[in-house]
Amino acid sequence: MASKKEILKNITNYTPEEIADAVRSGVVSMYELGKDTEGAFTPLLRKRVKELLEQEIVTIEHNTTEETSEVDNTIIPNCQSQIETLSSEIETTNTLEDNMSNSQAEEQSHVTNTTSKPGMFRNPFSFTGRIRRTEYGLSIIICFFINLLMEVMMSAATESNAAALLVLYLIILIPYCWFLWAQGAKRCHDRGNSGWYQIIPFYGFWMLFAEGEAGINEYGNSPK
């Protein structure tokens, strides 16, 4: 029979029956197979080996029950010891699988929590989702300076370049308004309201200071 080192290093060269025989003989344990094979002991292979070991336990118990009157008293303790050993190996393997599953679940939860809260201005022209007061306030400041810049440009216009500046003004006005309305709609969503609320007079001031709804609402996850 192969040694523990050979089995752990070249586990893919052995059949499930050969691996089960090695575990049954005490050459290697299920815990070592799951820990020291660098992932080569796949869940499917582990399941097959466990099935073979469990079948062996059932067979040993069945034979022990049927041949109790004929078997020497020194054999029964050995059978019981073998059953206990195999049961312990299977229990250890189940514990290892549970720990691995819990670890993967924690990692997935960490990734989800990390990626579920995007930074500011990720989708500034989208009308879906929610934004914080900070992002909305920065949006108002950006729009103020853009508006100031356009006013300075128009006031400095001369007759020769007035038409060109007017066209430029109209081109800038479209994304300007779209950006302002989109950010306002998402701030309304954070309050749990429709985006149309932003057309209410002076409601924009309220959006600058009002706290958003905690947790998830009908418009998405909390941006905090």
C-alpha atoms as a PDB file:
ATOM      1  CA  MET A   1       0.000   0.000   0.000  1.00  0.00           C
ATOM      2  CA  ALA A   2       1.206   3.527  -0.770  1.00  0.00           C
ATOM      3  CA  SER A   3       2.574   5.744   1.975  1.00  0.00           C
ATOM      4  CA  LYS A   4       0.832   8.808   3.367  1.00  0.00           C
ATOM      5  CA  LYS A   5       3.266  11.133   1.598  1.00  0.00           C
ATOM      6  CA  GLU A   6       2.645   9.543  -1.798  1.00  0.00           C
ATOM      7  CA  ILE A   7      -1.126   9.667  -1.363  1.00  0.00           C
ATOM      8  CA  LEU A   8      -1.164  13.319  -0.289  1.00  0.00           C
ATOM      9  CA  LYS A   9       1.190  14.333  -3.096  1.00  0.00           C
ATOM     10  CA  ASN A  10      -0.423  12.338  -5.924  1.00  0.00           C
ATOM     11  CA  ILE A  11      -3.984  11.843  -4.734  1.00  0.00           C
ATOM     12  CA  THR A  12      -5.359  12.164  -8.263  1.00  0.00           C
ATOM     13  CA  ASN A  13      -3.527   8.951  -9.196  1.00  0.00           C
ATOM     14  CA  TYR A  14      -5.620   6.900  -6.770  1.00  0.00           C
ATOM     15  CA  THR A  15      -9.181   5.689  -7.072  1.00  0.00           C
ATOM     16  CA  PRO A  16     -11.786   6.431  -4.395  1.00  0.00           C
ATOM     17  CA  GLU A  17     -11.636   2.768  -3.358  1.00  0.00           C
ATOM     18  CA  GLU A  18      -7.859   2.945  -2.864  1.00  0.00           C
ATOM     19  CA  ILE A  19      -8.161   6.144  -0.864  1.00  0.00           C
ATOM     20  CA  ALA A  20     -10.920   4.644   1.279  1.00  0.00           C
ATOM     21  CA  ASP A  21      -8.706   1.588   1.920  1.00  0.00           C
ATOM     22  CA  ALA A  22      -5.874   3.896   3.009  1.00  0.00           C
ATOM     23  CA  VAL A  23      -8.179   5.748   5.411  1.00  0.00           C
ATOM     24  CA  ARG A  24      -9.595   2.468   6.682  1.00  0.00           C
ATOM     25  CA  SER A  25      -6.084   1.136   7.305  1.00  0.00           C
ATOM     26  CA  GLY A  26      -4.994   4.242   9.172  1.00  0.00           C
ATOM     27  CA  VAL A  27      -2.404   5.299   6.585  1.00  0.00           C
ATOM     28  CA  VAL A  28      -4.002   8.721   6.158  1.00  0.00           C
ATOM     29  CA  SER A  29      -6.958  10.535   7.684  1.00  0.00           C
ATOM     30  CA  MET A  30      -9.830  12.367   6.038  1.00  0.00           C
ATOM     31  CA  TYR A  31      -8.694  15.538   7.783  1.00  0.00           C
ATOM     32  CA  GLU A  32      -5.224  15.271   6.248  1.00  0.00           C
ATOM     33  CA  LEU A  33      -6.722  14.607   2.823  1.00  0.00           C
ATOM     34  CA  GLY A  34      -8.798  17.763   3.042  1.00  0.00           C
ATOM     35  CA  LYS A  35      -5.996  19.906   4.476  1.00  0.00           C
ATOM     36  CA  ASP A  36      -2.723  18.774   2.844  1.00  0.00           C
ATOM     37  CA  THR A  37      -3.685  18.025  -0.774  1.00  0.00           C
ATOM     38  CA  GLU A  38      -3.928  21.667  -1.899  1.00  0.00           C
ATOM     39  CA  GLY A  39      -7.477  21.325  -3.143  1.00  0.00           C
ATOM     40  CA  ALA A  40      -6.883  18.117  -5.104  1.00  0.00           C
ATOM     41  CA  PHE A  41      -9.200  16.256  -2.721  1.00  0.00           C
ATOM     42  CA  THR A  42     -12.308  17.680  -4.387  1.00  0.00           C
ATOM     43  CA  PRO A  43     -15.778  17.714  -2.800  1.00  0.00           C
ATOM     44  CA  LEU A  44     -16.932  15.056  -5.272  1.00  0.00           C
ATOM     45  CA  LEU A  45     -13.999  12.773  -4.435  1.00  0.00           C
ATOM     46  CA  ARG A  46     -14.507  13.404  -0.714  1.00  0.00           C
ATOM     47  CA  LYS A  47     -18.177  12.480  -1.015  1.00  0.00           C
ATOM     48  CA  ARG A  48     -17.340   9.223  -2.801  1.00  0.00           C
ATOM     49  CA  VAL A  49     -14.739   8.229  -0.193  1.00  0.00           C
ATOM     50  CA  LYS A  50     -17.168   8.996   2.623  1.00  0.00           C
ATOM     51  CA  GLU A  51     -19.820   6.839   0.957  1.00  0.00           C
ATOM     52  CA  LEU A  52     -17.364   3.930   0.750  1.00  0.00           C
ATOM     53  CA  LEU A  53     -16.419   4.348   4.411  1.00  0.00           C
ATOM     54  CA  GLU A  54     -20.050   4.546   5.465  1.00  0.00           C
ATOM     55  CA  GLN A  55     -20.830   1.418   3.457  1.00  0.00           C
ATOM     56  CA  GLU A  56     -17.996  -0.312   5.282  1.00  0.00           C
ATOM     57  CA  ILE A  57     -19.456   0.734   8.624  1.00  0.00           C
ATOM     58  CA  VAL A  58     -22.865  -0.655   7.679  1.00  0.00           C
ATOM     59  CA  THR A  59     -21.274  -3.892   6.466  1.00  0.00           C
ATOM     60  CA  ILE A  60     -19.235  -4.314   9.636  1.00  0.00           C
ATOM     61  CA  GLU A  61     -22.261  -3.672  11.842  1.00  0.00           C
ATOM     62  CA  HIS A  62     -24.379  -6.102   9.829  1.00  0.00           C
ATOM     63  CA  ASN A  63     -21.746  -8.850   9.922  1.00  0.00           C
ATOM     64  CA  THR A  64     -21.136  -8.285  13.612  1.00  0.00           C
ATOM     65  CA  THR A  65     -24.854  -8.693  14.359  1.00  0.00           C
ATOM     66  CA  GLU A  66     -25.271 -11.850  12.268  1.00  0.00           C
ATOM     67  CA  GLU A  67     -22.114 -13.616  13.422  1.00  0.00           C
ATOM     68  CA  THR A  68     -22.089 -12.682  17.103  1.00  0.00           C
ATOM     69  CA  SER A  69     -22.660 -16.280  18.169  1.00  0.00           C
ATOM     70  CA  GLU A  70     -19.898 -17.615  15.906  1.00  0.00           C
ATOM     71  CA  VAL A  71     -17.203 -14.940  16.162  1.00  0.00           C
ATOM     72  CA  ASP A  72     -14.588 -15.118  18.872  1.00  0.00           C
ATOM     73  CA  ASN A  73     -15.041 -12.558  21.645  1.00  0.00           C
ATOM     74  CA  THR A  74     -11.702 -10.941  20.794  1.00  0.00           C
ATOM     75  CA  ILE A  75     -12.887  -9.933  17.292  1.00  0.00           C
ATOM     76  CA  ILE A  76     -15.950  -7.935  18.366  1.00  0.00           C
ATOM     77  CA  PRO A  77     -13.971  -5.228  20.207  1.00  0.00           C
ATOM     78  CA  ASN A  78     -11.778  -4.849  17.128  1.00  0.00           C
ATOM     79  CA  CYS A  79     -14.850  -4.350  14.919  1.00  0.00           C
ATOM     80  CA  GLN A  80     -16.285  -1.834  17.332  1.00  0.00           C
ATOM     81  CA  SER A  81     -12.966   0.013  17.461  1.00  0.00           C
ATOM     82  CA  GLN A  82     -12.845   0.144  13.668  1.00  0.00           C
ATOM     83  CA  ILE A  83     -16.401   1.471  13.528  1.00  0.00           C
ATOM     84  CA  GLU A  84     -15.593   4.163  16.075  1.00  0.00           C
ATOM     85  CA  THR A  85     -12.448   5.168  14.157  1.00  0.00           C
ATOM     86  CA  LEU A  86     -14.281   5.469  10.839  1.00  0.00           C
ATOM     87  CA  SER A  87     -17.126   7.379  12.463  1.00  0.00           C
ATOM     88  CA  SER A  88     -14.622   9.771  14.033  1.00  0.00           C
ATOM     89  CA  GLU A  89     -12.949  10.343  10.640  1.00  0.00           C
ATOM     90  CA  ILE A  90     -16.276  11.126   8.988  1.00  0.00           C
ATOM     91  CA  GLU A  91     -17.274  13.482  11.810  1.00  0.00           C
ATOM     92  CA  THR A  92     -13.920  15.292  11.530  1.00  0.00           C
ATOM     93  CA  THR A  93     -14.413  15.654   7.778  1.00  0.00           C
ATOM     94  CA  ASN A  94     -17.902  17.064   8.260  1.00  0.00           C
ATOM     95  CA  THR A  95     -16.542  19.582  10.768  1.00  0.00           C
ATOM     96  CA  LEU A  96     -13.815  20.602   8.312  1.00  0.00           C
ATOM     97  CA  GLU A  97     -16.372  21.071   5.527  1.00  0.00           C
ATOM     98  CA  ASP A  98     -18.583  23.187   7.801  1.00  0.00           C
ATOM     99  CA  ASN A  99     -15.637  25.389   8.759  1.00  0.00           C
ATOM    100  CA  MET A 100     -14.677  25.822   5.099  1.00  0.00           C
ATOM    101  CA  SER A 101     -18.276  26.714   4.199  1.00  0.00           C
ATOM    102  CA  ASN A 102     -18.499  29.242   7.039  1.00  0.00           C
ATOM    103  CA  SER A 103     -15.188  30.796   5.991  1.00  0.00           C
ATOM    104  CA  GLN A 104     -16.357  31.118   2.374  1.00  0.00           C
ATOM    105  CA  ALA A 105     -19.647  32.620   3.547  1.00  0.00           C
ATOM    106  CA  GLU A 106     -17.794  35.205   5.671  1.00  0.00           C
ATOM    107  CA  GLU A 107     -15.545  36.120   2.741  1.00  0.00           C
ATOM    108  CA  GLN A 108     -18.551  36.473   0.447  1.00  0.00           C
ATOM    109  CA  SER A 109     -20.331  38.618   3.038  1.00  0.00           C
ATOM    110  CA  HIS A 110     -17.255  40.829   3.362  1.00  0.00           C
ATOM    111  CA  VAL A 111     -17.030  41.251  -0.420  1.00  0.00           C
ATOM    112  CA  THR A 112     -20.744  42.029  -0.626  1.00  0.00           C
ATOM    113  CA  ASN A 113     -20.549  44.635   2.127  1.00  0.00           C
ATOM    114  CA  THR A 114     -17.491  46.193   0.512  1.00  0.00           C
ATOM    115  CA  THR A 115     -18.937  46.415  -2.986  1.00  0.00           C
ATOM    116  CA  SER A 116     -22.533  47.304  -2.066  1.00  0.00           C
ATOM    117  CA  LYS A 117     -21.629  50.881  -1.106  1.00  0.00           C
ATOM    118  CA  PRO A 118     -20.287  52.690  -4.185  1.00  0.00           C
ATOM    119  CA  GLY A 119     -18.411  55.966  -3.912  1.00  0.00           C
ATOM    120  CA  MET A 120     -19.811  59.343  -4.791  1.00  0.00           C
ATOM    121  CA  PHE A 121     -20.544  60.417  -8.378  1.00  0.00           C
ATOM    122  CA  ARG A 122     -20.460  56.839  -9.717  1.00  0.00           C
ATOM    123  CA  ASN A 123     -23.564  57.448 -11.885  1.00  0.00           C
ATOM    124  CA  PRO A 124     -24.120  61.212 -11.825  1.00  0.00           C
ATOM    125  CA  PHE A 125     -26.490  61.232 -14.828  1.00  0.00           C
ATOM    126  CA  SER A 126     -28.640  58.293 -13.682  1.00  0.00           C
ATOM    127  CA  PHE A 127     -32.079  58.806 -12.173  1.00  0.00           C
ATOM    128  CA  THR A 128     -32.021  55.488 -10.279  1.00  0.00           C
ATOM    129  CA  GLY A 129     -30.610  54.783  -6.831  1.00  0.00           C
ATOM    130  CA  ARG A 130     -29.854  56.980  -3.839  1.00  0.00           C
ATOM    131  CA  ILE A 131     -27.182  59.508  -2.852  1.00  0.00           C
ATOM    132  CA  ARG A 132     -26.113  61.082   0.439  1.00  0.00           C
ATOM    133  CA  ARG A 133     -26.536  64.699   1.513  1.00  0.00           C
ATOM    134  CA  THR A 134     -22.799  65.223   0.992  1.00  0.00           C
ATOM    135  CA  GLU A 135     -22.928  64.224  -2.670  1.00  0.00           C
ATOM    136  CA  TYR A 136     -26.031  66.313  -3.267  1.00  0.00           C
ATOM    137  CA  GLY A 137     -24.417  69.335  -1.612  1.00  0.00           C
ATOM    138  CA  LEU A 138     -21.293  68.952  -3.756  1.00  0.00           C
ATOM    139  CA  SER A 139     -23.534  68.678  -6.820  1.00  0.00           C
ATOM    140  CA  ILE A 140     -25.171  72.004  -5.966  1.00  0.00           C
ATOM    141  CA  ILE A 141     -21.740  73.625  -5.555  1.00  0.00           C
ATOM    142  CA  ILE A 142     -20.593  72.231  -8.922  1.00  0.00           C
ATOM    143  CA  CYS A 143     -23.723  73.520 -10.624  1.00  0.00           C
ATOM    144  CA  PHE A 144     -23.260  76.944  -8.975  1.00  0.00           C
ATOM    145  CA  PHE A 145     -19.761  77.350 -10.381  1.00  0.00           C
ATOM    146  CA  ILE A 146     -20.811  76.095 -13.822  1.00  0.00           C
ATOM    147  CA  ASN A 147     -23.664  78.584 -13.838  1.00  0.00           C
ATOM    148  CA  LEU A 148     -21.299  81.344 -12.702  1.00  0.00           C
ATOM    149  CA  LEU A 149     -18.854  80.456 -15.472  1.00  0.00           C
ATOM    150  CA  MET A 150     -21.588  80.570 -18.112  1.00  0.00           C
ATOM    151  CA  GLU A 151     -22.781  83.955 -16.896  1.00  0.00           C
ATOM    152  CA  VAL A 152     -19.237  85.351 -17.036  1.00  0.00           C
ATOM    153  CA  MET A 153     -18.833  84.005 -20.560  1.00  0.00           C
ATOM    154  CA  MET A 154     -22.105  85.554 -21.743  1.00  0.00           C
ATOM    155  CA  SER A 155     -21.361  88.906 -20.104  1.00  0.00           C
ATOM    156  CA  ALA A 156     -17.983  89.015 -21.839  1.00  0.00           C
ATOM    157  CA  ALA A 157     -19.460  88.213 -25.221  1.00  0.00           C
ATOM    158  CA  THR A 158     -19.035  90.649 -28.087  1.00  0.00           C
ATOM    159  CA  GLU A 159     -21.035  90.967 -31.247  1.00  0.00           C
ATOM    160  CA  SER A 160     -18.519  88.866 -33.151  1.00  0.00           C
ATOM    161  CA  ASN A 161     -18.539  85.876 -30.840  1.00  0.00           C
ATOM    162  CA  ALA A 162     -21.980  86.213 -29.242  1.00  0.00           C
ATOM    163  CA  ALA A 163     -23.524  83.586 -31.530  1.00  0.00           C
ATOM    164  CA  ALA A 164     -20.752  81.063 -30.838  1.00  0.00           C
ATOM    165  CA  LEU A 165     -20.972  81.592 -27.070  1.00  0.00           C
ATOM    166  CA  LEU A 166     -24.748  81.207 -27.197  1.00  0.00           C
ATOM    167  CA  VAL A 167     -24.413  77.857 -28.963  1.00  0.00           C
ATOM    168  CA  LEU A 168     -21.800  76.776 -26.406  1.00  0.00           C
ATOM    169  CA  TYR A 169     -24.094  77.914 -23.606  1.00  0.00           C
ATOM    170  CA  LEU A 170     -26.970  75.806 -24.944  1.00  0.00           C
ATOM    171  CA  ILE A 171     -24.692  72.777 -25.375  1.00  0.00           C
ATOM    172  CA  ILE A 172     -23.520  73.046 -21.765  1.00  0.00           C
ATOM    173  CA  LEU A 173     -27.050  73.697 -20.507  1.00  0.00           C
ATOM    174  CA  ILE A 174     -28.339  70.244 -21.526  1.00  0.00           C
ATOM    175  CA  PRO A 175     -25.926  68.089 -19.440  1.00  0.00           C
ATOM    176  CA  TYR A 176     -26.039  70.744 -16.716  1.00  0.00           C
ATOM    177  CA  CYS A 177     -29.800  70.387 -16.254  1.00  0.00           C
ATOM    178  CA  TRP A 178     -29.682  66.615 -16.660  1.00  0.00           C
ATOM    179  CA  PHE A 179     -26.998  66.319 -13.967  1.00  0.00           C
ATOM    180  CA  LEU A 180     -28.862  68.606 -11.561  1.00  0.00           C
ATOM    181  CA  TRP A 181     -32.190  66.791 -11.984  1.00  0.00           C
ATOM    182  CA  ALA A 182     -30.636  63.337 -11.764  1.00  0.00           C
ATOM    183  CA  GLN A 183     -28.802  64.138  -8.535  1.00  0.00           C
ATOM    184  CA  GLY A 184     -31.927  65.759  -7.111  1.00  0.00           C
ATOM    185  CA  ALA A 185     -34.036  62.711  -7.967  1.00  0.00           C
ATOM    186  CA  LYS A 186     -31.598  60.358  -6.229  1.00  0.00           C
ATOM    187  CA  ARG A 187     -31.548  62.593  -3.151  1.00  0.00           C
ATOM    188  CA  CYS A 188     -35.365  62.450  -3.098  1.00  0.00           C
ATOM    189  CA  HIS A 189     -35.095  58.660  -3.329  1.00  0.00           C
ATOM    190  CA  ASP A 190     -32.812  58.640  -0.294  1.00  0.00           C
ATOM    191  CA  ARG A 191     -35.619  60.359   1.587  1.00  0.00           C
ATOM    192  CA  GLY A 192     -38.041  57.695   0.366  1.00  0.00           C
ATOM    193  CA  ASN A 193     -39.810  60.093  -2.008  1.00  0.00           C
ATOM    194  CA  SER A 194     -40.356  60.279  -5.743  1.00  0.00           C
ATOM    195  CA  GLY A 195     -37.896  62.320  -7.776  1.00  0.00           C
ATOM    196  CA  TRP A 196     -40.729  64.710  -8.662  1.00  0.00           C
ATOM    197  CA  TYR A 197     -40.552  66.081  -5.119  1.00  0.00           C
ATOM    198  CA  GLN A 198     -37.598  68.226  -6.153  1.00  0.00           C
ATOM    199  CA  ILE A 199     -39.897  70.564  -8.124  1.00  0.00           C
ATOM    200  CA  ILE A 200     -41.610  71.569  -4.874  1.00  0.00           C
ATOM    201  CA  PRO A 201     -40.516  75.132  -4.014  1.00  0.00           C
ATOM    202  CA  PHE A 202     -37.663  75.252  -1.491  1.00  0.00           C
ATOM    203  CA  TYR A 203     -37.631  71.464  -1.171  1.00  0.00           C
ATOM    204  CA  GLY A 204     -34.031  71.521  -2.403  1.00  0.00           C
ATOM    205  CA  PHE A 205     -32.979  73.244   0.818  1.00  0.00           C
ATOM    206  CA  TRP A 206     -34.659  70.505   2.823  1.00  0.00           C
ATOM    207  CA  MET A 207     -32.776  67.847   0.837  1.00  0.00           C
ATOM    208  CA  LEU A 208     -29.482  69.486   1.851  1.00  0.00           C
ATOM    209  CA  PHE A 209     -30.110  68.954   5.573  1.00  0.00           C
ATOM    210  CA  ALA A 210     -32.700  66.179   5.978  1.00  0.00           C
ATOM    211  CA  GLU A 211     -31.529  62.730   7.008  1.00  0.00           C
ATOM    212  CA  GLY A 212     -32.039  59.872   4.542  1.00  0.00           C
ATOM    213  CA  GLU A 213     -33.941  56.691   5.323  1.00  0.00           C
ATOM    214  CA  ALA A 214     -31.899  54.037   7.132  1.00  0.00           C
ATOM    215  CA  GLY A 215     -31.334  50.701   5.437  1.00  0.00           C
ATOM    216  CA  ILE A 216     -32.968  49.609   2.207  1.00  0.00           C
ATOM    217  CA  ASN A 217     -36.022  51.329   0.765  1.00  0.00           C
ATOM    218  CA  GLU A 218     -37.928  50.884  -2.502  1.00  0.00           C
ATOM    219  CA  TYR A 219     -35.268  52.847  -4.413  1.00  0.00           C
ATOM    220  CA  GLY A 220     -32.235  50.804  -3.345  1.00  0.00           C
ATOM    221  CA  ASN A 221     -29.600  50.295  -0.656  1.00  0.00           C
ATOM    222  CA  SER A 222     -28.547  53.025   1.727  1.00  0.00           C
ATOM    223  CA  PRO A 223     -25.641  55.057   0.272  1.00  0.00           C
ATOM    224  CA  LYS A 224     -24.021  55.268   3.723  1.00  0.00           C
END
